[in-house]
Amino acid sequence: MAVISVNIEVQNGNAKVAPDPAKVSKRTRDQVKFHSNKKETTIVYNATTPFSDLAVGEQATLGANGRTFTAANLGLHHFDCGTIVGGQFVKWGSVGGLAGGDTDVGL
């Protein structure tokens, strides 16, 4: 079982997502730890989710210490990142691409 870190760097309302190691396919049971320089950073998987403990559409605010999930579902899963404003999820802009990232869970 590996632990993969996903760093979300937020500056001026834009997010840059950088997994470490950069190009690694997660396997089921690998852990993925999300952390950000902004404790209010929230992630949402809208179509599919790689985790059994984070449902599609569920908002996960990372907090000061980040959040760790265990990969369970194979496939390429995209997440958006943003913050909660007035009880609603609001996506941030992006730096050089999509406002979020992908979690690839392979065999």
Protein backbone atom coordinates (compact mmCIF):
# COMPACT_ATOMS: atom_id res chain seq x y z
CA MET A 1 0.00 0.00 0.00
CA ALA A 2 1.36 3.38 -1.01
CA VAL A 3 0.51 6.85 0.26
CA ILE A 4 0.17 9.44 -2.50
CA SER A 5 0.09 13.14 -1.60
CA VAL A 6 -1.96 15.60 -3.65
CA ASN A 7 -1.03 19.22 -2.99
CA ILE A 8 -3.49 21.95 -3.92
CA GLU A 9 -1.81 25.36 -4.04
CA VAL A 10 -4.29 28.24 -4.05
CA GLN A 11 -3.26 31.77 -5.07
CA ASN A 12 -5.54 34.66 -6.02
CA GLY A 13 -8.59 32.41 -6.43
CA ASN A 14 -6.80 29.94 -8.72
CA ALA A 15 -5.78 26.39 -7.83
CA LYS A 16 -2.79 24.36 -9.00
CA VAL A 17 -3.02 20.62 -8.31
CA ALA A 18 0.22 18.65 -8.02
CA PRO A 19 0.32 14.97 -7.05
CA ASP A 20 3.53 13.59 -5.51
CA PRO A 21 4.87 11.45 -7.07
CA ALA A 22 3.72 13.27 -10.19
CA LYS A 23 2.74 10.39 -12.50
CA VAL A 24 1.70 7.38 -10.49
CA SER A 25 -1.30 5.14 -10.91
CA LYS A 26 -2.94 4.45 -7.59
CA ARG A 27 -4.11 0.92 -6.87
CA THR A 28 -7.05 -0.07 -4.74
CA ARG A 29 -6.09 0.16 -1.07
CA ASP A 30 -3.50 2.89 -1.78
CA GLN A 31 -4.10 5.97 0.32
CA VAL A 32 -4.43 9.42 -1.19
CA LYS A 33 -3.79 12.39 1.11
CA PHE A 34 -5.04 15.77 -0.06
CA HIS A 35 -3.59 18.92 1.48
CA SER A 36 -3.66 22.60 0.62
CA ASN A 37 -2.19 25.91 1.67
CA LYS A 38 -5.81 27.04 2.35
CA LYS A 39 -7.66 25.10 5.06
CA GLU A 40 -11.02 25.92 3.46
CA THR A 41 -10.08 24.05 0.26
CA THR A 42 -12.87 21.63 -0.66
CA ILE A 43 -12.83 18.83 -3.25
CA VAL A 44 -15.81 17.27 -5.05
CA TYR A 45 -15.95 14.29 -7.44
CA ASN A 46 -18.97 14.97 -9.69
CA ALA A 47 -19.18 11.95 -12.03
CA THR A 48 -17.31 9.05 -10.41
CA THR A 49 -15.31 8.67 -7.22
CA PRO A 50 -12.20 6.61 -6.51
CA PHE A 51 -13.08 6.26 -2.82
CA SER A 52 -15.74 4.21 -1.04
CA ASP A 53 -15.77 6.73 1.81
CA LEU A 54 -16.36 9.82 -0.40
CA ALA A 55 -19.52 9.72 -2.51
CA VAL A 56 -20.08 11.41 -5.87
CA GLY A 57 -21.14 15.00 -5.15
CA GLU A 58 -20.02 14.86 -1.52
CA GLN A 59 -17.97 17.88 -0.45
CA ALA A 60 -14.76 17.18 1.47
CA THR A 61 -13.18 20.22 3.10
CA LEU A 62 -9.49 19.54 3.71
CA GLY A 63 -8.93 21.58 6.86
CA ALA A 64 -5.56 22.47 8.35
CA ASN A 65 -4.24 18.88 8.36
CA GLY A 66 -5.61 17.65 5.03
CA ARG A 67 -7.76 14.56 4.44
CA THR A 68 -6.79 10.98 3.60
CA PHE A 69 -8.94 8.53 1.63
CA THR A 70 -8.36 4.92 0.54
CA ALA A 71 -8.68 4.12 -3.17
CA ALA A 72 -11.38 1.54 -3.88
CA ASN A 73 -12.82 2.09 -7.37
CA LEU A 74 -10.83 1.51 -10.56
CA GLY A 75 -10.74 4.15 -13.28
CA LEU A 76 -9.80 7.76 -13.92
CA HIS A 77 -11.79 10.08 -11.65
CA HIS A 78 -11.82 13.89 -11.94
CA PHE A 79 -12.32 16.19 -8.96
CA ASP A 80 -13.02 19.91 -8.79
CA CYS A 81 -11.57 22.05 -6.05
CA GLY A 82 -12.92 25.23 -4.56
CA THR A 83 -14.51 26.45 -1.35
CA ILE A 84 -17.90 26.66 0.35
CA VAL A 85 -19.62 30.06 0.09
CA GLY A 86 -23.02 30.48 1.70
CA GLY A 87 -23.41 26.70 1.95
CA GLN A 88 -22.69 26.19 -1.78
CA PHE A 89 -19.59 24.73 -3.44
CA VAL A 90 -17.83 27.32 -5.64
CA LYS A 91 -15.05 26.12 -7.99
CA TRP A 92 -11.81 28.03 -8.12
CA GLY A 93 -10.14 28.99 -11.37
CA SER A 94 -7.09 27.07 -12.50
CA VAL A 95 -3.45 27.59 -13.27
CA GLY A 96 -2.73 26.11 -16.70
CA GLY A 97 -5.70 23.78 -17.12
CA LEU A 98 -8.72 22.38 -15.33
CA ALA A 99 -9.90 23.64 -11.94
CA GLY A 100 -9.11 20.38 -10.21
CA GLY A 101 -7.26 17.19 -10.92
CA ASP A 102 -7.53 13.50 -11.66
CA THR A 103 -7.14 10.43 -9.49
CA ASP A 104 -6.14 7.39 -11.55
CA VAL A 105 -6.83 4.08 -9.85
CA GLY A 106 -5.36 1.22 -11.85
CA LEU A 107 -4.75 -2.47 -11.31
